[in-house]
Amino acid sequence: MTGEHLTDGWEPDLPVADTLLRQYVFNLAAFNEIPAVAAGARVIRTDEFAAADLGRPAAMHNAATLLRPLPYDRPGATLDAVEGFFDGQGTGEAYLWSAWPTPDLRSRGWVLEGHPPLLVRVPGRPPPPVPAGLRVERVTGVEGLRDWERIAVDGFPYRDLQPWRPGVLLGEPVLDDQRLRLWVGYEGDRPVCMGTLFVAFGVAAVSLGVTLPEARRRGYWAAMAGVRLADEPGLPAVGVFSDMSRSPAEALGFRPVTRCTLWHRPR
């Protein structure tokens, strides 16, 4: 039919639930806004991208997320807007997430981080149990938040945030956002692992699961993944994993869907 609009799946007025990938993209954009909103820092959302900037080193939370593919024939306007949001506004590397391949951005000052795989797990399969010797607690207060944060900074590790100081990654107001759910695993009274879940737009995004080096190879990574999966058993679980963690994620029932593109830009 002449003049009929054929959706490309990424129009601004299209329901977020149109595809699982679209749900993940909007979930990721909202997740990256959490630390900035909690700190009263800058956020922006346009039809093309969402971005947040704490104005200081903040690991990967100074980030822009593309909400639709870059136009292959004219990507400059979107990239100009992303760079204009970050440049001259503070310190700490800025990141750019894309669920699709992008042009080569090195000439614009970006550094390619890689193409991490996006994995999906449908509901149904029971998660693994917590091994003996590990006690897992949901973070509900400041003390637990600081345990979670220290493991993230020292165990990932986030070298730009070391030495760890309270609040260097997440401020206390994040505890008021019920979409963000954090757990810490303890051996006795010693925090040794942590996990993160962000629930929004109909998907449960598993992210940032870290075990301290001296506590690895004890099944804690899988146990923490299982705790998060059990928290929203009726929702699809999604997550971007490293190639190193992809295999254990697939052992839990995750399946690869696509590879994302991740860039960072020094400033």
C-alpha atoms as a PDB file:
ATOM      1  CA  MET A   1       0.000   0.000   0.000  1.00  0.00           C
ATOM      2  CA  THR A   2       1.398   3.380  -0.977  1.00  0.00           C
ATOM      3  CA  GLY A   3       2.482   5.412   2.039  1.00  0.00           C
ATOM      4  CA  GLU A   4       2.177   2.506   4.473  1.00  0.00           C
ATOM      5  CA  HIS A   5       4.655   2.791   7.342  1.00  0.00           C
ATOM      6  CA  LEU A   6       6.716  -0.317   7.953  1.00  0.00           C
ATOM      7  CA  THR A   7       8.153  -0.204  11.465  1.00  0.00           C
ATOM      8  CA  ASP A   8      11.843  -0.762  11.936  1.00  0.00           C
ATOM      9  CA  GLY A   9      11.299  -1.656  15.582  1.00  0.00           C
ATOM     10  CA  TRP A  10      12.957   1.453  17.009  1.00  0.00           C
ATOM     11  CA  GLU A  11      10.586   4.375  16.506  1.00  0.00           C
ATOM     12  CA  PRO A  12      10.257   6.507  19.669  1.00  0.00           C
ATOM     13  CA  ASP A  13       6.518   5.890  19.988  1.00  0.00           C
ATOM     14  CA  LEU A  14       6.733   2.114  19.563  1.00  0.00           C
ATOM     15  CA  PRO A  15       5.875   0.138  22.719  1.00  0.00           C
ATOM     16  CA  VAL A  16       8.994  -0.910  24.594  1.00  0.00           C
ATOM     17  CA  ALA A  17       7.648  -4.454  24.715  1.00  0.00           C
ATOM     18  CA  ASP A  18       7.799  -4.738  20.907  1.00  0.00           C
ATOM     19  CA  THR A  19      10.859  -7.012  21.177  1.00  0.00           C
ATOM     20  CA  LEU A  20      12.952  -8.473  23.959  1.00  0.00           C
ATOM     21  CA  LEU A  21      15.992  -6.599  22.652  1.00  0.00           C
ATOM     22  CA  ARG A  22      14.109  -3.300  22.881  1.00  0.00           C
ATOM     23  CA  GLN A  23      13.146  -4.115  26.466  1.00  0.00           C
ATOM     24  CA  TYR A  24      16.790  -4.789  27.307  1.00  0.00           C
ATOM     25  CA  VAL A  25      18.005  -1.549  25.697  1.00  0.00           C
ATOM     26  CA  PHE A  26      15.569   0.556  27.710  1.00  0.00           C
ATOM     27  CA  ASN A  27      16.364  -1.414  30.862  1.00  0.00           C
ATOM     28  CA  LEU A  28      20.080  -0.726  30.373  1.00  0.00           C
ATOM     29  CA  ALA A  29      19.482   2.979  29.808  1.00  0.00           C
ATOM     30  CA  ALA A  30      17.480   3.230  33.034  1.00  0.00           C
ATOM     31  CA  PHE A  31      20.055   1.197  34.968  1.00  0.00           C
ATOM     32  CA  ASN A  32      22.830   3.577  33.952  1.00  0.00           C
ATOM     33  CA  GLU A  33      20.767   6.534  35.164  1.00  0.00           C
ATOM     34  CA  ILE A  34      20.429   5.187  38.723  1.00  0.00           C
ATOM     35  CA  PRO A  35      23.750   6.430  40.230  1.00  0.00           C
ATOM     36  CA  ALA A  36      23.479   9.833  38.546  1.00  0.00           C
ATOM     37  CA  VAL A  37      19.895  10.413  39.665  1.00  0.00           C
ATOM     38  CA  ALA A  38      20.812   9.328  43.203  1.00  0.00           C
ATOM     39  CA  ALA A  39      23.667  11.856  43.223  1.00  0.00           C
ATOM     40  CA  GLY A  40      21.673  14.679  41.639  1.00  0.00           C
ATOM     41  CA  ALA A  41      23.978  14.565  38.614  1.00  0.00           C
ATOM     42  CA  ARG A  42      23.204  15.059  34.925  1.00  0.00           C
ATOM     43  CA  VAL A  43      20.982  12.821  32.821  1.00  0.00           C
ATOM     44  CA  ILE A  44      19.507  13.284  29.373  1.00  0.00           C
ATOM     45  CA  ARG A  45      17.100  11.298  27.216  1.00  0.00           C
ATOM     46  CA  THR A  46      16.389  11.901  23.550  1.00  0.00           C
ATOM     47  CA  ASP A  47      14.764   9.823  20.833  1.00  0.00           C
ATOM     48  CA  GLU A  48      18.218   8.525  19.854  1.00  0.00           C
ATOM     49  CA  PHE A  49      20.001   7.937  23.168  1.00  0.00           C
ATOM     50  CA  ALA A  50      19.911   8.203  26.945  1.00  0.00           C
ATOM     51  CA  ALA A  51      22.961   9.277  28.942  1.00  0.00           C
ATOM     52  CA  ALA A  52      24.065   9.866  32.511  1.00  0.00           C
ATOM     53  CA  ASP A  53      27.183  11.569  33.859  1.00  0.00           C
ATOM     54  CA  LEU A  54      28.314  11.902  37.452  1.00  0.00           C
ATOM     55  CA  GLY A  55      31.099  14.247  36.331  1.00  0.00           C
ATOM     56  CA  ARG A  56      33.731  12.110  38.051  1.00  0.00           C
ATOM     57  CA  PRO A  57      35.183   8.620  37.607  1.00  0.00           C
ATOM     58  CA  ALA A  58      32.251   6.249  38.070  1.00  0.00           C
ATOM     59  CA  ALA A  59      33.268   2.965  36.423  1.00  0.00           C
ATOM     60  CA  MET A  60      30.830   2.307  33.563  1.00  0.00           C
ATOM     61  CA  HIS A  61      28.049   4.485  34.952  1.00  0.00           C
ATOM     62  CA  ASN A  62      29.098   7.566  32.970  1.00  0.00           C
ATOM     63  CA  ALA A  63      27.394   6.088  29.959  1.00  0.00           C
ATOM     64  CA  ALA A  64      25.249   6.738  26.934  1.00  0.00           C
ATOM     65  CA  THR A  65      22.947   4.016  25.628  1.00  0.00           C
ATOM     66  CA  LEU A  66      21.741   4.146  22.053  1.00  0.00           C
ATOM     67  CA  LEU A  67      17.958   3.735  21.932  1.00  0.00           C
ATOM     68  CA  ARG A  68      17.992   2.987  18.223  1.00  0.00           C
ATOM     69  CA  PRO A  69      20.672   2.028  15.705  1.00  0.00           C
ATOM     70  CA  LEU A  70      22.936   4.786  14.468  1.00  0.00           C
ATOM     71  CA  PRO A  71      21.826   5.859  10.977  1.00  0.00           C
ATOM     72  CA  TYR A  72      24.367   4.111   8.753  1.00  0.00           C
ATOM     73  CA  ASP A  73      24.529   7.046   6.305  1.00  0.00           C
ATOM     74  CA  ARG A  74      24.476   9.921   8.798  1.00  0.00           C
ATOM     75  CA  PRO A  75      25.576   8.950  12.315  1.00  0.00           C
ATOM     76  CA  GLY A  76      27.268  12.291  12.978  1.00  0.00           C
ATOM     77  CA  ALA A  77      24.353  14.171  14.543  1.00  0.00           C
ATOM     78  CA  THR A  78      23.708  11.534  17.203  1.00  0.00           C
ATOM     79  CA  LEU A  79      27.408  11.136  17.977  1.00  0.00           C
ATOM     80  CA  ASP A  80      27.841  14.920  18.175  1.00  0.00           C
ATOM     81  CA  ALA A  81      25.042  15.051  20.741  1.00  0.00           C
ATOM     82  CA  VAL A  82      26.500  12.206  22.811  1.00  0.00           C
ATOM     83  CA  GLU A  83      29.975  13.737  22.797  1.00  0.00           C
ATOM     84  CA  GLY A  84      28.594  17.186  23.544  1.00  0.00           C
ATOM     85  CA  PHE A  85      26.868  15.822  26.633  1.00  0.00           C
ATOM     86  CA  PHE A  86      30.102  14.406  28.060  1.00  0.00           C
ATOM     87  CA  ASP A  87      32.942  16.583  26.784  1.00  0.00           C
ATOM     88  CA  GLY A  88      34.120  19.384  29.051  1.00  0.00           C
ATOM     89  CA  GLN A  89      31.676  18.400  31.789  1.00  0.00           C
ATOM     90  CA  GLY A  90      33.906  16.519  34.218  1.00  0.00           C
ATOM     91  CA  THR A  91      36.407  13.696  34.542  1.00  0.00           C
ATOM     92  CA  GLY A  92      36.229   9.942  34.255  1.00  0.00           C
ATOM     93  CA  GLU A  93      35.855   7.896  31.104  1.00  0.00           C
ATOM     94  CA  ALA A  94      32.535   8.025  29.259  1.00  0.00           C
ATOM     95  CA  TYR A  95      31.017   4.888  27.746  1.00  0.00           C
ATOM     96  CA  LEU A  96      28.796   4.274  24.752  1.00  0.00           C
ATOM     97  CA  TRP A  97      26.595   1.170  24.607  1.00  0.00           C
ATOM     98  CA  SER A  98      25.087  -0.042  21.351  1.00  0.00           C
ATOM     99  CA  ALA A  99      23.025  -3.168  20.814  1.00  0.00           C
ATOM    100  CA  TRP A 100      24.161  -3.096  17.184  1.00  0.00           C
ATOM    101  CA  PRO A 101      27.403  -2.774  15.219  1.00  0.00           C
ATOM    102  CA  THR A 102      28.563   0.821  14.865  1.00  0.00           C
ATOM    103  CA  PRO A 103      30.891   2.639  12.497  1.00  0.00           C
ATOM    104  CA  ASP A 104      34.544   2.844  13.516  1.00  0.00           C
ATOM    105  CA  LEU A 105      34.571   5.678  16.059  1.00  0.00           C
ATOM    106  CA  ARG A 106      38.324   5.819  16.677  1.00  0.00           C
ATOM    107  CA  SER A 107      38.747   8.930  14.547  1.00  0.00           C
ATOM    108  CA  ARG A 108      36.351  10.686  16.951  1.00  0.00           C
ATOM    109  CA  GLY A 109      38.445   9.781  20.024  1.00  0.00           C
ATOM    110  CA  TRP A 110      36.581   6.640  21.109  1.00  0.00           C
ATOM    111  CA  VAL A 111      38.359   3.437  22.153  1.00  0.00           C
ATOM    112  CA  LEU A 112      36.739   0.076  21.401  1.00  0.00           C
ATOM    113  CA  GLU A 113      36.112  -1.960  24.553  1.00  0.00           C
ATOM    114  CA  GLY A 114      34.748  -4.925  22.635  1.00  0.00           C
ATOM    115  CA  HIS A 115      31.611  -6.773  21.605  1.00  0.00           C
ATOM    116  CA  PRO A 116      30.227  -8.482  24.718  1.00  0.00           C
ATOM    117  CA  PRO A 117      27.483 -11.064  24.140  1.00  0.00           C
ATOM    118  CA  LEU A 118      23.912 -10.465  25.265  1.00  0.00           C
ATOM    119  CA  LEU A 119      22.376 -13.587  26.805  1.00  0.00           C
ATOM    120  CA  VAL A 120      18.746 -14.406  27.640  1.00  0.00           C
ATOM    121  CA  ARG A 121      17.249 -16.987  29.988  1.00  0.00           C
ATOM    122  CA  VAL A 122      13.536 -17.790  29.815  1.00  0.00           C
ATOM    123  CA  PRO A 123      11.650 -18.684  33.001  1.00  0.00           C
ATOM    124  CA  GLY A 124      11.205 -22.283  34.011  1.00  0.00           C
ATOM    125  CA  ARG A 125      14.501 -23.880  34.946  1.00  0.00           C
ATOM    126  CA  PRO A 126      15.218 -23.896  38.714  1.00  0.00           C
ATOM    127  CA  PRO A 127      18.304 -21.897  39.740  1.00  0.00           C
ATOM    128  CA  PRO A 128      21.266 -23.554  41.472  1.00  0.00           C
ATOM    129  CA  PRO A 129      21.320 -23.734  45.294  1.00  0.00           C
ATOM    130  CA  VAL A 130      23.544 -21.692  47.561  1.00  0.00           C
ATOM    131  CA  PRO A 131      26.546 -23.803  48.636  1.00  0.00           C
ATOM    132  CA  ALA A 132      27.255 -24.565  52.271  1.00  0.00           C
ATOM    133  CA  GLY A 133      29.479 -21.956  53.846  1.00  0.00           C
ATOM    134  CA  LEU A 134      27.988 -19.018  51.938  1.00  0.00           C
ATOM    135  CA  ARG A 135      25.353 -16.764  53.497  1.00  0.00           C
ATOM    136  CA  VAL A 136      23.582 -14.458  51.041  1.00  0.00           C
ATOM    137  CA  GLU A 137      21.832 -11.302  52.225  1.00  0.00           C
ATOM    138  CA  ARG A 138      19.758  -8.759  50.332  1.00  0.00           C
ATOM    139  CA  VAL A 139      21.121  -5.230  50.739  1.00  0.00           C
ATOM    140  CA  THR A 140      18.627  -3.105  52.645  1.00  0.00           C
ATOM    141  CA  GLY A 141      20.817  -0.586  54.433  1.00  0.00           C
ATOM    142  CA  VAL A 142      23.983   1.445  54.231  1.00  0.00           C
ATOM    143  CA  GLU A 143      26.257  -1.174  55.794  1.00  0.00           C
ATOM    144  CA  GLY A 144      25.273  -3.783  53.218  1.00  0.00           C
ATOM    145  CA  LEU A 145      25.594  -1.237  50.421  1.00  0.00           C
ATOM    146  CA  ARG A 146      29.162  -0.500  51.440  1.00  0.00           C
ATOM    147  CA  ASP A 147      30.018  -4.224  51.510  1.00  0.00           C
ATOM    148  CA  TRP A 148      28.503  -4.566  48.012  1.00  0.00           C
ATOM    149  CA  GLU A 149      30.366  -1.509  46.752  1.00  0.00           C
ATOM    150  CA  ARG A 150      33.746  -2.522  48.131  1.00  0.00           C
ATOM    151  CA  ILE A 151      33.565  -5.974  46.534  1.00  0.00           C
ATOM    152  CA  ALA A 152      32.649  -4.359  43.207  1.00  0.00           C
ATOM    153  CA  VAL A 153      35.492  -1.850  43.306  1.00  0.00           C
ATOM    154  CA  ASP A 154      38.183  -4.236  44.546  1.00  0.00           C
ATOM    155  CA  GLY A 155      36.991  -7.460  42.946  1.00  0.00           C
ATOM    156  CA  PHE A 156      36.007  -6.410  39.425  1.00  0.00           C
ATOM    157  CA  PRO A 157      38.280  -4.427  39.773  1.00  0.00           C
ATOM    158  CA  TYR A 158      37.407  -0.798  39.016  1.00  0.00           C
ATOM    159  CA  ARG A 159      40.893   0.672  39.029  1.00  0.00           C
ATOM    160  CA  ASP A 160      39.673   4.232  38.447  1.00  0.00           C
ATOM    161  CA  LEU A 161      37.748   4.039  41.754  1.00  0.00           C
ATOM    162  CA  GLN A 162      40.584   2.651  43.884  1.00  0.00           C
ATOM    163  CA  PRO A 163      41.312   2.986  46.692  1.00  0.00           C
ATOM    164  CA  TRP A 164      37.709   2.328  47.643  1.00  0.00           C
ATOM    165  CA  ARG A 165      35.928   5.053  49.594  1.00  0.00           C
ATOM    166  CA  PRO A 166      32.297   4.889  50.763  1.00  0.00           C
ATOM    167  CA  GLY A 167      30.007   6.231  48.059  1.00  0.00           C
ATOM    168  CA  VAL A 168      32.620   6.194  45.301  1.00  0.00           C
ATOM    169  CA  LEU A 169      30.390   3.946  43.166  1.00  0.00           C
ATOM    170  CA  LEU A 170      26.828   4.197  44.532  1.00  0.00           C
ATOM    171  CA  GLY A 171      25.289   6.770  46.838  1.00  0.00           C
ATOM    172  CA  GLU A 172      22.872   5.862  49.602  1.00  0.00           C
ATOM    173  CA  PRO A 173      19.760   7.171  47.777  1.00  0.00           C
ATOM    174  CA  VAL A 174      19.948   4.192  45.371  1.00  0.00           C
ATOM    175  CA  LEU A 175      18.433   2.139  48.191  1.00  0.00           C
ATOM    176  CA  ASP A 176      15.126   3.949  47.619  1.00  0.00           C
ATOM    177  CA  ASP A 177      14.778   2.634  44.064  1.00  0.00           C
ATOM    178  CA  GLN A 178      13.052  -0.737  44.262  1.00  0.00           C
ATOM    179  CA  ARG A 179      13.997  -1.612  40.688  1.00  0.00           C
ATOM    180  CA  LEU A 180      17.637  -1.985  41.783  1.00  0.00           C
ATOM    181  CA  ARG A 181      18.276  -5.065  43.902  1.00  0.00           C
ATOM    182  CA  LEU A 182      21.628  -5.885  45.443  1.00  0.00           C
ATOM    183  CA  TRP A 183      22.956  -8.898  47.312  1.00  0.00           C
ATOM    184  CA  VAL A 184      26.137  -9.686  49.243  1.00  0.00           C
ATOM    185  CA  GLY A 185      27.492 -13.142  50.019  1.00  0.00           C
ATOM    186  CA  TYR A 186      29.391 -13.739  53.262  1.00  0.00           C
ATOM    187  CA  GLU A 187      31.786 -16.377  54.522  1.00  0.00           C
ATOM    188  CA  GLY A 188      31.133 -15.978  58.208  1.00  0.00           C
ATOM    189  CA  ASP A 189      31.169 -12.216  58.668  1.00  0.00           C
ATOM    190  CA  ARG A 190      33.453 -11.548  55.707  1.00  0.00           C
ATOM    191  CA  PRO A 191      31.852 -10.231  52.494  1.00  0.00           C
ATOM    192  CA  VAL A 192      33.265 -12.175  49.533  1.00  0.00           C
ATOM    193  CA  CYS A 193      30.831 -11.840  46.611  1.00  0.00           C
ATOM    194  CA  MET A 194      27.997  -9.664  45.354  1.00  0.00           C
ATOM    195  CA  GLY A 195      25.330  -9.558  42.685  1.00  0.00           C
ATOM    196  CA  THR A 196      23.043  -7.029  41.045  1.00  0.00           C
ATOM    197  CA  LEU A 197      19.597  -7.196  39.458  1.00  0.00           C
ATOM    198  CA  PHE A 198      17.710  -4.382  37.753  1.00  0.00           C
ATOM    199  CA  VAL A 199      14.033  -4.991  37.019  1.00  0.00           C
ATOM    200  CA  ALA A 200      12.366  -2.665  34.518  1.00  0.00           C
ATOM    201  CA  PHE A 201      10.498  -2.780  31.212  1.00  0.00           C
ATOM    202  CA  GLY A 202       9.438  -6.385  31.673  1.00  0.00           C
ATOM    203  CA  VAL A 203      12.887  -7.955  32.027  1.00  0.00           C
ATOM    204  CA  ALA A 204      15.193  -8.780  34.935  1.00  0.00           C
ATOM    205  CA  ALA A 205      18.702  -7.683  34.004  1.00  0.00           C
ATOM    206  CA  VAL A 206      21.477  -9.635  35.707  1.00  0.00           C
ATOM    207  CA  SER A 207      24.583  -7.483  35.962  1.00  0.00           C
ATOM    208  CA  LEU A 208      27.764  -6.939  37.941  1.00  0.00           C
ATOM    209  CA  GLY A 209      28.319 -10.199  39.758  1.00  0.00           C
ATOM    210  CA  VAL A 210      31.751 -10.246  41.400  1.00  0.00           C
ATOM    211  CA  THR A 211      33.615 -12.643  43.684  1.00  0.00           C
ATOM    212  CA  LEU A 212      36.829 -11.590  45.390  1.00  0.00           C
ATOM    213  CA  PRO A 213      39.852 -13.465  43.964  1.00  0.00           C
ATOM    214  CA  GLU A 214      40.593 -15.401  47.142  1.00  0.00           C
ATOM    215  CA  ALA A 215      37.012 -16.780  47.257  1.00  0.00           C
ATOM    216  CA  ARG A 216      36.699 -17.919  43.650  1.00  0.00           C
ATOM    217  CA  ARG A 217      36.200 -21.497  42.378  1.00  0.00           C
ATOM    218  CA  ARG A 218      33.781 -22.317  45.180  1.00  0.00           C
ATOM    219  CA  GLY A 219      30.531 -22.012  43.225  1.00  0.00           C
ATOM    220  CA  TYR A 220      29.745 -18.547  44.545  1.00  0.00           C
ATOM    221  CA  TRP A 221      29.312 -16.892  41.145  1.00  0.00           C
ATOM    222  CA  ALA A 222      26.644 -19.414  40.131  1.00  0.00           C
ATOM    223  CA  ALA A 223      25.020 -19.214  43.559  1.00  0.00           C
ATOM    224  CA  MET A 224      24.706 -15.442  43.366  1.00  0.00           C
ATOM    225  CA  ALA A 225      23.291 -15.748  39.853  1.00  0.00           C
ATOM    226  CA  GLY A 226      20.758 -18.241  41.194  1.00  0.00           C
ATOM    227  CA  VAL A 227      19.655 -15.898  43.982  1.00  0.00           C
ATOM    228  CA  ARG A 228      18.993 -13.164  41.447  1.00  0.00           C
ATOM    229  CA  LEU A 229      17.138 -15.464  39.061  1.00  0.00           C
ATOM    230  CA  ALA A 230      14.910 -16.665  41.899  1.00  0.00           C
ATOM    231  CA  ASP A 231      13.949 -13.087  42.766  1.00  0.00           C
ATOM    232  CA  GLU A 232      11.908 -12.662  39.556  1.00  0.00           C
ATOM    233  CA  PRO A 233      11.166 -16.226  38.400  1.00  0.00           C
ATOM    234  CA  GLY A 234       8.406 -15.182  36.008  1.00  0.00           C
ATOM    235  CA  LEU A 235      10.412 -12.685  33.962  1.00  0.00           C
ATOM    236  CA  PRO A 236      12.948 -13.269  31.210  1.00  0.00           C
ATOM    237  CA  ALA A 237      16.460 -12.743  32.573  1.00  0.00           C
ATOM    238  CA  VAL A 238      18.857 -10.807  30.361  1.00  0.00           C
ATOM    239  CA  GLY A 239      22.451  -9.764  30.719  1.00  0.00           C
ATOM    240  CA  VAL A 240      25.605  -8.761  28.920  1.00  0.00           C
ATOM    241  CA  PHE A 241      28.377 -11.131  29.943  1.00  0.00           C
ATOM    242  CA  SER A 242      32.073 -11.215  29.257  1.00  0.00           C
ATOM    243  CA  ASP A 243      33.326 -14.038  27.068  1.00  0.00           C
ATOM    244  CA  MET A 244      34.933 -15.440  30.225  1.00  0.00           C
ATOM    245  CA  SER A 245      31.613 -15.611  32.105  1.00  0.00           C
ATOM    246  CA  ARG A 246      29.535 -16.648  29.097  1.00  0.00           C
ATOM    247  CA  SER A 247      30.158 -20.375  29.555  1.00  0.00           C
ATOM    248  CA  PRO A 248      29.030 -20.533  33.218  1.00  0.00           C
ATOM    249  CA  ALA A 249      26.008 -18.397  32.314  1.00  0.00           C
ATOM    250  CA  GLU A 250      25.054 -20.822  29.568  1.00  0.00           C
ATOM    251  CA  ALA A 251      25.370 -23.644  32.103  1.00  0.00           C
ATOM    252  CA  LEU A 252      22.597 -21.892  34.053  1.00  0.00           C
ATOM    253  CA  GLY A 253      20.306 -21.842  31.025  1.00  0.00           C
ATOM    254  CA  PHE A 254      21.229 -18.541  29.394  1.00  0.00           C
ATOM    255  CA  ARG A 255      21.395 -18.483  25.599  1.00  0.00           C
ATOM    256  CA  PRO A 256      23.287 -16.012  23.385  1.00  0.00           C
ATOM    257  CA  VAL A 257      21.174 -13.635  21.310  1.00  0.00           C
ATOM    258  CA  THR A 258      23.540 -11.066  19.821  1.00  0.00           C
ATOM    259  CA  ARG A 259      26.727  -9.160  20.529  1.00  0.00           C
ATOM    260  CA  CYS A 260      26.661  -5.566  21.667  1.00  0.00           C
ATOM    261  CA  THR A 261      29.261  -2.892  20.944  1.00  0.00           C
ATOM    262  CA  LEU A 262      30.943  -0.988  23.773  1.00  0.00           C
ATOM    263  CA  TRP A 263      33.183   2.065  23.384  1.00  0.00           C
ATOM    264  CA  HIS A 264      34.798   4.368  25.909  1.00  0.00           C
ATOM    265  CA  ARG A 265      36.098   7.900  25.544  1.00  0.00           C
ATOM    266  CA  PRO A 266      38.829   9.364  27.777  1.00  0.00           C
ATOM    267  CA  ARG A 267      38.332  12.870  29.097  1.00  0.00           C
END
